[in-house]
């Protein structure tokens, strides 16, 4: 083998090695892309699950607060409706205030 044949053989080997490296890089890129897709899908699934859970908790708490508010409001209205006006005390207070104002 003369130098040109050796050089040609080395160039051929280098070309094959380069092709192997390019194929390996393409395969690695493909695997990384697939892993990213899987991770993104898992993230979206987890996000949806958590947001649904939090939405459910929010709605349950909102309903509970609404019921407590309504019960408190009903109790207040009941106290107002059951209270009897004390017209004698009210008249006395008015008389006192008017007398103080007249001075």
PDB file of N, CA and C in Angstrom:
ATOM      1  N   UNK A   1       0.833  -1.174   0.000  1.00  0.00           N
ATOM      2  CA  UNK A   1       0.000   0.000   0.000  1.00  0.00           C
ATOM      3  C   UNK A   1       0.881   1.242   0.000  1.00  0.00           C
ATOM      4  N   UNK A   2       0.607   2.084  -0.918  1.00  0.00           N
ATOM      5  CA  UNK A   2       1.383   3.318  -0.928  1.00  0.00           C
ATOM      6  C   UNK A   2       0.651   4.385  -0.121  1.00  0.00           C
ATOM      7  N   UNK A   3       1.245   5.527  -0.009  1.00  0.00           N
ATOM      8  CA  UNK A   3       0.716   6.614   0.839  1.00  0.00           C
ATOM      9  C   UNK A   3      -0.680   7.067   0.414  1.00  0.00           C
ATOM     10  N   UNK A   4      -0.941   7.126  -0.875  1.00  0.00           N
ATOM     11  CA  UNK A   4      -2.261   7.567  -1.337  1.00  0.00           C
ATOM     12  C   UNK A   4      -3.339   6.558  -0.968  1.00  0.00           C
ATOM     13  N   UNK A   5      -2.970   5.271  -1.055  1.00  0.00           N
ATOM     14  CA  UNK A   5      -3.942   4.244  -0.663  1.00  0.00           C
ATOM     15  C   UNK A   5      -4.218   4.302   0.840  1.00  0.00           C
ATOM     16  N   UNK A   6      -3.163   4.494   1.618  1.00  0.00           N
ATOM     17  CA  UNK A   6      -3.306   4.598   3.079  1.00  0.00           C
ATOM     18  C   UNK A   6      -4.141   5.829   3.415  1.00  0.00           C
ATOM     19  N   UNK A   7      -3.811   6.925   2.771  1.00  0.00           N
ATOM     20  CA  UNK A   7      -4.561   8.165   2.998  1.00  0.00           C
ATOM     21  C   UNK A   7      -6.017   7.998   2.590  1.00  0.00           C
ATOM     22  N   UNK A   8      -6.275   7.377   1.484  1.00  0.00           N
ATOM     23  CA  UNK A   8      -7.645   7.121   1.030  1.00  0.00           C
ATOM     24  C   UNK A   8      -8.388   6.218   1.997  1.00  0.00           C
ATOM     25  N   UNK A   9      -7.684   5.196   2.477  1.00  0.00           N
ATOM     26  CA  UNK A   9      -8.291   4.284   3.448  1.00  0.00           C
ATOM     27  C   UNK A   9      -8.621   5.022   4.746  1.00  0.00           C
ATOM     28  N   UNK A  10      -7.718   5.870   5.214  1.00  0.00           N
ATOM     29  CA  UNK A  10      -7.956   6.644   6.437  1.00  0.00           C
ATOM     30  C   UNK A  10      -9.125   7.619   6.252  1.00  0.00           C
ATOM     31  N   UNK A  11      -9.207   8.236   5.097  1.00  0.00           N
ATOM     32  CA  UNK A  11     -10.310   9.154   4.817  1.00  0.00           C
ATOM     33  C   UNK A  11     -11.642   8.398   4.793  1.00  0.00           C
ATOM     34  N   UNK A  12     -11.608   7.188   4.235  1.00  0.00           N
ATOM     35  CA  UNK A  12     -12.815   6.372   4.199  1.00  0.00           C
ATOM     36  C   UNK A  12     -13.248   6.004   5.619  1.00  0.00           C
ATOM     37  N   UNK A  13     -12.282   5.620   6.456  1.00  0.00           N
ATOM     38  CA  UNK A  13     -12.580   5.260   7.851  1.00  0.00           C
ATOM     39  C   UNK A  13     -13.104   6.492   8.610  1.00  0.00           C
ATOM     40  N   UNK A  14     -12.473   7.634   8.354  1.00  0.00           N
ATOM     41  CA  UNK A  14     -12.899   8.869   9.006  1.00  0.00           C
ATOM     42  C   UNK A  14     -14.323   9.230   8.579  1.00  0.00           C
ATOM     43  N   UNK A  15     -14.629   9.024   7.314  1.00  0.00           N
ATOM     44  CA  UNK A  15     -15.968   9.300   6.795  1.00  0.00           C
ATOM     45  C   UNK A  15     -16.986   8.368   7.439  1.00  0.00           C
ATOM     46  N   UNK A  16     -16.651   7.103   7.585  1.00  0.00           N
ATOM     47  CA  UNK A  16     -17.548   6.150   8.234  1.00  0.00           C
ATOM     48  C   UNK A  16     -17.745   6.505   9.709  1.00  0.00           C
ATOM     49  N   UNK A  17     -16.637   6.907  10.362  1.00  0.00           N
ATOM     50  CA  UNK A  17     -16.730   7.302  11.772  1.00  0.00           C
ATOM     51  C   UNK A  17     -17.611   8.538  11.914  1.00  0.00           C
ATOM     52  N   UNK A  18     -17.444   9.478  11.011  1.00  0.00           N
ATOM     53  CA  UNK A  18     -18.268  10.688  11.032  1.00  0.00           C
ATOM     54  C   UNK A  18     -19.740  10.339  10.845  1.00  0.00           C
ATOM     55  N   UNK A  19     -20.024   9.401   9.939  1.00  0.00           N
ATOM     56  CA  UNK A  19     -21.402   8.971   9.709  1.00  0.00           C
ATOM     57  C   UNK A  19     -21.961   8.306  10.963  1.00  0.00           C
ATOM     58  N   UNK A  20     -21.145   7.497  11.641  1.00  0.00           N
ATOM     59  CA  UNK A  20     -21.587   6.866  12.888  1.00  0.00           C
ATOM     60  C   UNK A  20     -21.894   7.912  13.964  1.00  0.00           C
ATOM     61  N   UNK A  21     -21.021   8.917  14.059  1.00  0.00           N
ATOM     62  CA  UNK A  21     -21.227   9.985  15.044  1.00  0.00           C
ATOM     63  C   UNK A  21     -22.506  10.752  14.705  1.00  0.00           C
ATOM     64  N   UNK A  22     -22.703  11.039  13.429  1.00  0.00           N
ATOM     65  CA  UNK A  22     -23.918  11.756  13.012  1.00  0.00           C
ATOM     66  C   UNK A  22     -25.161  10.920  13.318  1.00  0.00           C
ATOM     67  N   UNK A  23     -25.111   9.624  13.048  1.00  0.00           N
ATOM     68  CA  UNK A  23     -26.237   8.746  13.357  1.00  0.00           C
ATOM     69  C   UNK A  23     -26.499   8.694  14.862  1.00  0.00           C
ATOM     70  N   UNK A  24     -25.426   8.611  15.641  1.00  0.00           N
ATOM     71  CA  UNK A  24     -25.562   8.569  17.099  1.00  0.00           C
ATOM     72  C   UNK A  24     -26.161   9.880  17.615  1.00  0.00           C
ATOM     73  N   UNK A  25     -25.713  10.996  17.054  1.00  0.00           N
ATOM     74  CA  UNK A  25     -26.253  12.293  17.471  1.00  0.00           C
ATOM     75  C   UNK A  25     -27.735  12.405  17.105  1.00  0.00           C
ATOM     76  N   UNK A  26     -28.088  11.938  15.923  1.00  0.00           N
ATOM     77  CA  UNK A  26     -29.488  11.970  15.497  1.00  0.00           C
ATOM     78  C   UNK A  26     -30.340  11.100  16.424  1.00  0.00           C
ATOM     79  N   UNK A  27     -29.839   9.932  16.783  1.00  0.00           N
ATOM     80  CA  UNK A  27     -30.570   9.043  17.693  1.00  0.00           C
ATOM     81  C   UNK A  27     -30.701   9.690  19.077  1.00  0.00           C
ATOM     82  N   UNK A  28     -29.623  10.309  19.552  1.00  0.00           N
ATOM     83  CA  UNK A  28     -29.674  10.987  20.852  1.00  0.00           C
ATOM     84  C   UNK A  28     -30.674  12.132  20.820  1.00  0.00           C
ATOM     85  N   UNK A  29     -30.668  12.913  19.748  1.00  0.00           N
ATOM     86  CA  UNK A  29     -31.622  14.014  19.611  1.00  0.00           C
ATOM     87  C   UNK A  29     -33.054  13.491  19.607  1.00  0.00           C
ATOM     88  N   UNK A  30     -33.268  12.380  18.911  1.00  0.00           N
ATOM     89  CA  UNK A  30     -34.591  11.763  18.841  1.00  0.00           C
ATOM     90  C   UNK A  30     -35.049  11.317  20.222  1.00  0.00           C
ATOM     91  N   UNK A  31     -34.145  10.700  20.978  1.00  0.00           N
ATOM     92  CA  UNK A  31     -34.487  10.222  22.318  1.00  0.00           C
ATOM     93  C   UNK A  31     -34.763  11.380  23.273  1.00  0.00           C
ATOM     94  N   UNK A  32     -33.956  12.427  23.162  1.00  0.00           N
ATOM     95  CA  UNK A  32     -34.161  13.605  24.013  1.00  0.00           C
ATOM     96  C   UNK A  32     -35.514  14.242  23.699  1.00  0.00           C
ATOM     97  N   UNK A  33     -35.836  14.365  22.431  1.00  0.00           N
ATOM     98  CA  UNK A  33     -37.119  14.931  22.025  1.00  0.00           C
ATOM     99  C   UNK A  33     -38.282  14.095  22.543  1.00  0.00           C
ATOM    100  N   UNK A  34     -38.169  12.789  22.438  1.00  0.00           N
ATOM    101  CA  UNK A  34     -39.223  11.897  22.931  1.00  0.00           C
ATOM    102  C   UNK A  34     -39.374  12.017  24.444  1.00  0.00           C
ATOM    103  N   UNK A  35     -38.240  12.092  25.149  1.00  0.00           N
ATOM    104  CA  UNK A  35     -38.291  12.247  26.607  1.00  0.00           C
ATOM    105  C   UNK A  35     -38.936  13.584  26.981  1.00  0.00           C
ATOM    106  N   UNK A  36     -38.618  14.635  26.245  1.00  0.00           N
ATOM    107  CA  UNK A  36     -39.229  15.937  26.499  1.00  0.00           C
ATOM    108  C   UNK A  36     -40.735  15.887  26.278  1.00  0.00           C
ATOM    109  N   UNK A  37     -41.171  15.206  25.223  1.00  0.00           N
ATOM    110  CA  UNK A  37     -42.605  15.073  24.954  1.00  0.00           C
ATOM    111  C   UNK A  37     -43.297  14.327  26.094  1.00  0.00           C
ATOM    112  N   UNK A  38     -42.665  13.249  26.554  1.00  0.00           N
ATOM    113  CA  UNK A  38     -43.252  12.473  27.643  1.00  0.00           C
ATOM    114  C   UNK A  38     -43.319  13.297  28.927  1.00  0.00           C
ATOM    115  N   UNK A  39     -42.248  14.037  29.209  1.00  0.00           N
ATOM    116  CA  UNK A  39     -42.241  14.879  30.404  1.00  0.00           C
ATOM    117  C   UNK A  39     -43.297  15.972  30.309  1.00  0.00           C
ATOM    118  N   UNK A  40     -43.446  16.561  29.140  1.00  0.00           N
ATOM    119  CA  UNK A  40     -44.454  17.599  28.946  1.00  0.00           C
ATOM    120  C   UNK A  40     -45.862  17.029  29.139  1.00  0.00           C
ATOM    121  N   UNK A  41     -46.086  15.839  28.598  1.00  0.00           N
ATOM    122  CA  UNK A  41     -47.397  15.193  28.760  1.00  0.00           C
ATOM    123  C   UNK A  41     -47.667  14.885  30.232  1.00  0.00           C
ATOM    124  N   UNK A  42     -46.652  14.405  30.937  1.00  0.00           N
ATOM    125  CA  UNK A  42     -46.815  14.104  32.360  1.00  0.00           C
ATOM    126  C   UNK A  42     -47.077  15.386  33.151  1.00  0.00           C
ATOM    127  N   UNK A  43     -46.375  16.446  32.797  1.00  0.00           N
ATOM    128  CA  UNK A  43     -46.575  17.732  33.465  1.00  0.00           C
ATOM    129  C   UNK A  43     -47.989  18.245  33.238  1.00  0.00           C
ATOM    130  N   UNK A  44     -48.468  18.182  32.015  1.00  0.00           N
ATOM    131  CA  UNK A  44     -49.817  18.654  31.705  1.00  0.00           C
ATOM    132  C   UNK A  44     -50.871  17.820  32.435  1.00  0.00           C
ATOM    133  N   UNK A  45     -50.658  16.518  32.500  1.00  0.00           N
ATOM    134  CA  UNK A  45     -51.589  15.642  33.206  1.00  0.00           C
ATOM    135  C   UNK A  45     -51.627  16.008  34.690  1.00  0.00           C
ATOM    136  N   UNK A  46     -50.462  16.167  35.282  1.00  0.00           N
ATOM    137  CA  UNK A  46     -50.376  16.515  36.708  1.00  0.00           C
ATOM    138  C   UNK A  46     -50.993  17.887  36.968  1.00  0.00           C
ATOM    139  N   UNK A  47     -50.733  18.822  36.065  1.00  0.00           N
ATOM    140  CA  UNK A  47     -51.286  20.168  36.202  1.00  0.00           C
ATOM    141  C   UNK A  47     -52.818  20.118  36.179  1.00  0.00           C
ATOM    142  N   UNK A  48     -53.361  19.365  35.240  1.00  0.00           N
ATOM    143  CA  UNK A  48     -54.820  19.245  35.142  1.00  0.00           C
ATOM    144  C   UNK A  48     -55.402  18.597  36.395  1.00  0.00           C
ATOM    145  N   UNK A  49     -54.752  17.548  36.872  1.00  0.00           N
ATOM    146  CA  UNK A  49     -55.233  16.874  38.074  1.00  0.00           C
ATOM    147  C   UNK A  49     -55.233  17.819  39.271  1.00  0.00           C
ATOM    148  N   UNK A  50     -54.131  18.543  39.448  1.00  0.00           N
ATOM    149  CA  UNK A  50     -54.023  19.456  40.583  1.00  0.00           C
ATOM    150  C   UNK A  50     -55.004  20.613  40.459  1.00  0.00           C
ATOM    151  N   UNK A  51     -55.154  21.146  39.250  1.00  0.00           N
ATOM    152  CA  UNK A  51     -56.077  22.268  39.086  1.00  0.00           C
ATOM    153  C   UNK A  51     -57.516  21.821  39.317  1.00  0.00           C
ATOM    154  N   UNK A  52     -57.870  20.613  38.884  1.00  0.00           N
ATOM    155  CA  UNK A  52     -59.208  20.091  39.145  1.00  0.00           C
ATOM    156  C   UNK A  52     -59.423  19.883  40.650  1.00  0.00           C
ATOM    157  N   UNK A  53     -58.404  19.376  41.324  1.00  0.00           N
ATOM    158  CA  UNK A  53     -58.496  19.165  42.769  1.00  0.00           C
ATOM    159  C   UNK A  53     -58.693  20.500  43.481  1.00  0.00           C
ATOM    160  N   UNK A  54     -57.872  21.493  43.119  1.00  0.00           N
ATOM    161  CA  UNK A  54     -57.978  22.798  43.757  1.00  0.00           C
ATOM    162  C   UNK A  54     -59.309  23.474  43.425  1.00  0.00           C
ATOM    163  N   UNK A  55     -59.761  23.303  42.206  1.00  0.00           N
ATOM    164  CA  UNK A  55     -61.059  23.871  41.811  1.00  0.00           C
ATOM    165  C   UNK A  55     -62.176  23.247  42.643  1.00  0.00           C
ATOM    166  N   UNK A  56     -62.120  21.940  42.846  1.00  0.00           N
ATOM    167  CA  UNK A  56     -63.116  21.259  43.676  1.00  0.00           C
ATOM    168  C   UNK A  56     -63.089  21.752  45.112  1.00  0.00           C
ATOM    169  N   UNK A  57     -61.887  21.907  45.673  1.00  0.00           N
ATOM    170  CA  UNK A  57     -61.758  22.414  47.039  1.00  0.00           C
ATOM    171  C   UNK A  57     -62.302  23.835  47.144  1.00  0.00           C
ATOM    172  N   UNK A  58     -62.004  24.633  46.128  1.00  0.00           N
ATOM    173  CA  UNK A  58     -62.483  26.018  46.115  1.00  0.00           C
ATOM    174  C   UNK A  58     -64.010  26.056  46.085  1.00  0.00           C
ATOM    175  N   UNK A  59     -64.610  25.259  45.209  1.00  0.00           N
ATOM    176  CA  UNK A  59     -66.067  25.263  45.102  1.00  0.00           C
ATOM    177  C   UNK A  59     -66.727  24.753  46.387  1.00  0.00           C
ATOM    178  N   UNK A  60     -66.130  23.742  47.000  1.00  0.00           N
ATOM    179  CA  UNK A  60     -66.677  23.212  48.257  1.00  0.00           C
ATOM    180  C   UNK A  60     -66.590  24.266  49.357  1.00  0.00           C
ATOM    181  N   UNK A  61     -65.460  24.944  49.449  1.00  0.00           N
ATOM    182  CA  UNK A  61     -65.290  25.992  50.461  1.00  0.00           C
ATOM    183  C   UNK A  61     -66.235  27.155  50.191  1.00  0.00           C
ATOM    184  N   UNK A  62     -66.386  27.509  48.934  1.00  0.00           N
ATOM    185  CA  UNK A  62     -67.295  28.597  48.565  1.00  0.00           C
ATOM    186  C   UNK A  62     -68.722  28.250  48.968  1.00  0.00           C
ATOM    187  N   UNK A  63     -69.140  27.013  48.709  1.00  0.00           N
ATOM    188  CA  UNK A  63     -70.489  26.569  49.078  1.00  0.00           C
ATOM    189  C   UNK A  63     -70.653  26.578  50.590  1.00  0.00           C
ATOM    190  N   UNK A  64     -69.645  26.116  51.312  1.00  0.00           N
ATOM    191  CA  UNK A  64     -69.711  26.086  52.776  1.00  0.00           C
ATOM    192  C   UNK A  64     -69.850  27.495  53.334  1.00  0.00           C
ATOM    193  N   UNK A  65     -69.054  28.423  52.811  1.00  0.00           N
ATOM    194  CA  UNK A  65     -69.116  29.810  53.275  1.00  0.00           C
ATOM    195  C   UNK A  65     -70.468  30.425  52.938  1.00  0.00           C
ATOM    196  N   UNK A  66     -70.978  30.142  51.757  1.00  0.00           N
ATOM    197  CA  UNK A  66     -72.292  30.656  51.364  1.00  0.00           C
ATOM    198  C   UNK A  66     -73.379  30.137  52.316  1.00  0.00           C
ATOM    199  N   UNK A  67     -73.312  28.857  52.684  1.00  0.00           N
ATOM    200  CA  UNK A  67     -74.301  28.288  53.600  1.00  0.00           C
ATOM    201  C   UNK A  67     -74.176  28.914  54.990  1.00  0.00           C
ATOM    202  N   UNK A  68     -72.934  29.090  55.463  1.00  0.00           N
ATOM    203  CA  UNK A  68     -72.731  29.713  56.773  1.00  0.00           C
ATOM    204  C   UNK A  68     -73.241  31.154  56.773  1.00  0.00           C
ATOM    205  N   UNK A  69     -72.958  31.857  55.696  1.00  0.00           N
ATOM    206  CA  UNK A  69     -73.421  33.239  55.573  1.00  0.00           C
ATOM    207  C   UNK A  69     -74.947  33.292  55.581  1.00  0.00           C
ATOM    208  N   UNK A  70     -75.564  32.410  54.810  1.00  0.00           N
ATOM    209  CA  UNK A  70     -77.028  32.388  54.745  1.00  0.00           C
ATOM    210  C   UNK A  70     -77.625  32.051  56.103  1.00  0.00           C
ATOM    211  N   UNK A  71     -77.024  31.102  56.814  1.00  0.00           N
ATOM    212  CA  UNK A  71     -77.521  30.726  58.142  1.00  0.00           C
ATOM    213  C   UNK A  71     -77.393  31.903  59.105  1.00  0.00           C
ATOM    214  N   UNK A  72     -76.280  32.596  59.051  1.00  0.00           N
ATOM    215  CA  UNK A  72     -76.070  33.747  59.923  1.00  0.00           C
ATOM    216  C   UNK A  72     -77.048  34.871  59.579  1.00  0.00           C
ATOM    217  N   UNK A  73     -77.255  35.093  58.301  1.00  0.00           N
ATOM    218  CA  UNK A  73     -78.194  36.120  57.855  1.00  0.00           C
ATOM    219  C   UNK A  73     -79.622  35.764  58.283  1.00  0.00           C
ATOM    220  N   UNK A  74     -79.995  34.507  58.129  1.00  0.00           N
ATOM    221  CA  UNK A  74     -81.325  34.066  58.551  1.00  0.00           C
ATOM    222  C   UNK A  74     -81.514  34.243  60.060  1.00  0.00           C
ATOM    223  N   UNK A  75     -80.470  33.900  60.826  1.00  0.00           N
ATOM    224  CA  UNK A  75     -80.550  34.058  62.281  1.00  0.00           C
ATOM    225  C   UNK A  75     -80.689  35.530  62.652  1.00  0.00           C
ATOM    226  N   UNK A  76     -79.970  36.390  61.976  1.00  0.00           N
ATOM    227  CA  UNK A  76     -80.058  37.832  62.234  1.00  0.00           C
ATOM    228  C   UNK A  76     -81.458  38.348  61.898  1.00  0.00           C
ATOM    229  N   UNK A  77     -81.986  37.922  60.764  1.00  0.00           N
ATOM    230  CA  UNK A  77     -83.344  38.343  60.391  1.00  0.00           C
ATOM    231  C   UNK A  77     -84.373  37.850  61.403  1.00  0.00           C
ATOM    232  N   UNK A  78     -84.174  36.638  61.879  1.00  0.00           N
ATOM    233  CA  UNK A  78     -85.083  36.085  62.880  1.00  0.00           C
ATOM    234  C   UNK A  78     -85.021  36.904  64.165  1.00  0.00           C
ATOM    235  N   UNK A  79     -83.840  37.296  64.589  1.00  0.00           N
ATOM    236  CA  UNK A  79     -83.704  38.131  65.794  1.00  0.00           C
ATOM    237  C   UNK A  79     -84.380  39.483  65.577  1.00  0.00           C
ATOM    238  N   UNK A  80     -84.208  40.053  64.392  1.00  0.00           N
ATOM    239  CA  UNK A  80     -84.850  41.336  64.102  1.00  0.00           C
ATOM    240  C   UNK A  80     -86.371  41.209  64.107  1.00  0.00           C
ATOM    241  N   UNK A  81     -86.878  40.147  63.493  1.00  0.00           N
ATOM    242  CA  UNK A  81     -88.323  39.958  63.423  1.00  0.00           C
ATOM    243  C   UNK A  81     -88.936  39.640  64.784  1.00  0.00           C
ATOM    244  N   UNK A  82     -88.170  38.999  65.643  1.00  0.00           N
ATOM    245  CA  UNK A  82     -88.711  38.629  66.945  1.00  0.00           C
ATOM    246  C   UNK A  82     -88.551  39.747  67.977  1.00  0.00           C
ATOM    247  N   UNK A  83     -87.757  40.743  67.667  1.00  0.00           N
ATOM    248  CA  UNK A  83     -87.562  41.851  68.607  1.00  0.00           C
ATOM    249  C   UNK A  83     -88.803  42.740  68.590  1.00  0.00           C
ATOM    250  N   UNK A  84     -89.221  43.130  69.786  1.00  0.00           N
ATOM    251  CA  UNK A  84     -90.386  44.004  69.896  1.00  0.00           C
ATOM    252  C   UNK A  84     -89.894  45.432  70.149  1.00  0.00           C
ATOM    253  N   UNK A  85     -90.434  46.355  69.422  1.00  0.00           N
ATOM    254  CA  UNK A  85     -90.004  47.739  69.651  1.00  0.00           C
ATOM    255  C   UNK A  85     -90.496  48.243  71.014  1.00  0.00           C
ATOM    256  N   UNK A  86     -89.630  48.916  71.708  1.00  0.00           N
ATOM    257  CA  UNK A  86     -89.969  49.500  73.008  1.00  0.00           C
ATOM    258  C   UNK A  86     -90.305  50.962  72.760  1.00  0.00           C
ATOM    259  N   UNK A  87     -91.557  51.220  72.470  1.00  0.00           N
ATOM    260  CA  UNK A  87     -91.973  52.579  72.098  1.00  0.00           C
ATOM    261  C   UNK A  87     -91.850  53.543  73.262  1.00  0.00           C
ATOM    262  N   UNK A  88     -92.017  53.061  74.467  1.00  0.00           N
ATOM    263  CA  UNK A  88     -91.900  53.957  75.632  1.00  0.00           C
ATOM    264  C   UNK A  88     -90.467  54.463  75.775  1.00  0.00           C
ATOM    265  N   UNK A  89     -89.513  53.565  75.679  1.00  0.00           N
ATOM    266  CA  UNK A  89     -88.099  53.981  75.789  1.00  0.00           C
ATOM    267  C   UNK A  89     -87.705  54.858  74.610  1.00  0.00           C
ATOM    268  N   UNK A  90     -88.210  54.524  73.433  1.00  0.00           N
ATOM    269  CA  UNK A  90     -87.902  55.312  72.250  1.00  0.00           C
ATOM    270  C   UNK A  90     -88.456  56.728  72.393  1.00  0.00           C
ATOM    271  N   UNK A  91     -89.687  56.841  72.861  1.00  0.00           N
ATOM    272  CA  UNK A  91     -90.286  58.158  73.064  1.00  0.00           C
ATOM    273  C   UNK A  91     -89.520  58.951  74.111  1.00  0.00           C
ATOM    274  N   UNK A  92     -89.094  58.283  75.177  1.00  0.00           N
ATOM    275  CA  UNK A  92     -88.332  58.958  76.230  1.00  0.00           C
ATOM    276  C   UNK A  92     -87.002  59.461  75.687  1.00  0.00           C
ATOM    277  N   UNK A  93     -86.360  58.656  74.880  1.00  0.00           N
ATOM    278  CA  UNK A  93     -85.088  59.060  74.284  1.00  0.00           C
ATOM    279  C   UNK A  93     -85.289  60.253  73.355  1.00  0.00           C
ATOM    280  N   UNK A  94     -86.330  60.202  72.539  1.00  0.00           N
ATOM    281  CA  UNK A  94     -86.620  61.332  71.647  1.00  0.00           C
ATOM    282  C   UNK A  94     -86.899  62.606  72.435  1.00  0.00           C
ATOM    283  N   UNK A  95     -87.688  62.483  73.476  1.00  0.00           N
ATOM    284  CA  UNK A  95     -87.993  63.649  74.308  1.00  0.00           C
ATOM    285  C   UNK A  95     -86.721  64.238  74.911  1.00  0.00           C
ATOM    286  N   UNK A  96     -85.845  63.353  75.369  1.00  0.00           N
ATOM    287  CA  UNK A  96     -84.585  63.801  75.968  1.00  0.00           C
ATOM    288  C   UNK A  96     -83.715  64.504  74.925  1.00  0.00           C
ATOM    289  N   UNK A  97     -83.587  63.910  73.734  1.00  0.00           N
ATOM    290  CA  UNK A  97     -82.768  64.501  72.677  1.00  0.00           C
ATOM    291  C   UNK A  97     -83.330  65.842  72.205  1.00  0.00           C
ATOM    292  N   UNK A  98     -84.636  65.912  72.083  1.00  0.00           N
ATOM    293  CA  UNK A  98     -85.256  67.171  71.654  1.00  0.00           C
ATOM    294  C   UNK A  98     -85.076  68.241  72.724  1.00  0.00           C
ATOM    295  N   UNK A  99     -85.194  67.832  73.978  1.00  0.00           N
ATOM    296  CA  UNK A  99     -85.015  68.801  75.074  1.00  0.00           C
ATOM    297  C   UNK A  99     -83.577  69.307  75.100  1.00  0.00           C
ATOM    298  N   UNK A 100     -82.606  68.429  74.876  1.00  0.00           N
ATOM    299  CA  UNK A 100     -81.203  68.849  74.852  1.00  0.00           C
ATOM    300  C   UNK A 100     -80.941  69.770  73.660  1.00  0.00           C
ATOM    301  N   UNK A 101     -81.581  69.509  72.563  1.00  0.00           N
ATOM    302  CA  UNK A 101     -81.406  70.309  71.373  1.00  0.00           C
ATOM    303  C   UNK A 101     -82.019  71.702  71.538  1.00  0.00           C
ATOM    304  N   UNK A 102     -83.087  71.752  72.294  1.00  0.00           N
ATOM    305  CA  UNK A 102     -83.792  73.017  72.473  1.00  0.00           C
ATOM    306  C   UNK A 102     -82.994  73.954  73.386  1.00  0.00           C
ATOM    307  N   UNK A 103     -82.144  73.475  74.181  1.00  0.00           N
ATOM    308  CA  UNK A 103     -81.373  74.322  75.102  1.00  0.00           C
ATOM    309  C   UNK A 103     -80.409  75.156  74.398  1.00  0.00           C
TER     310      UNK A 103
END
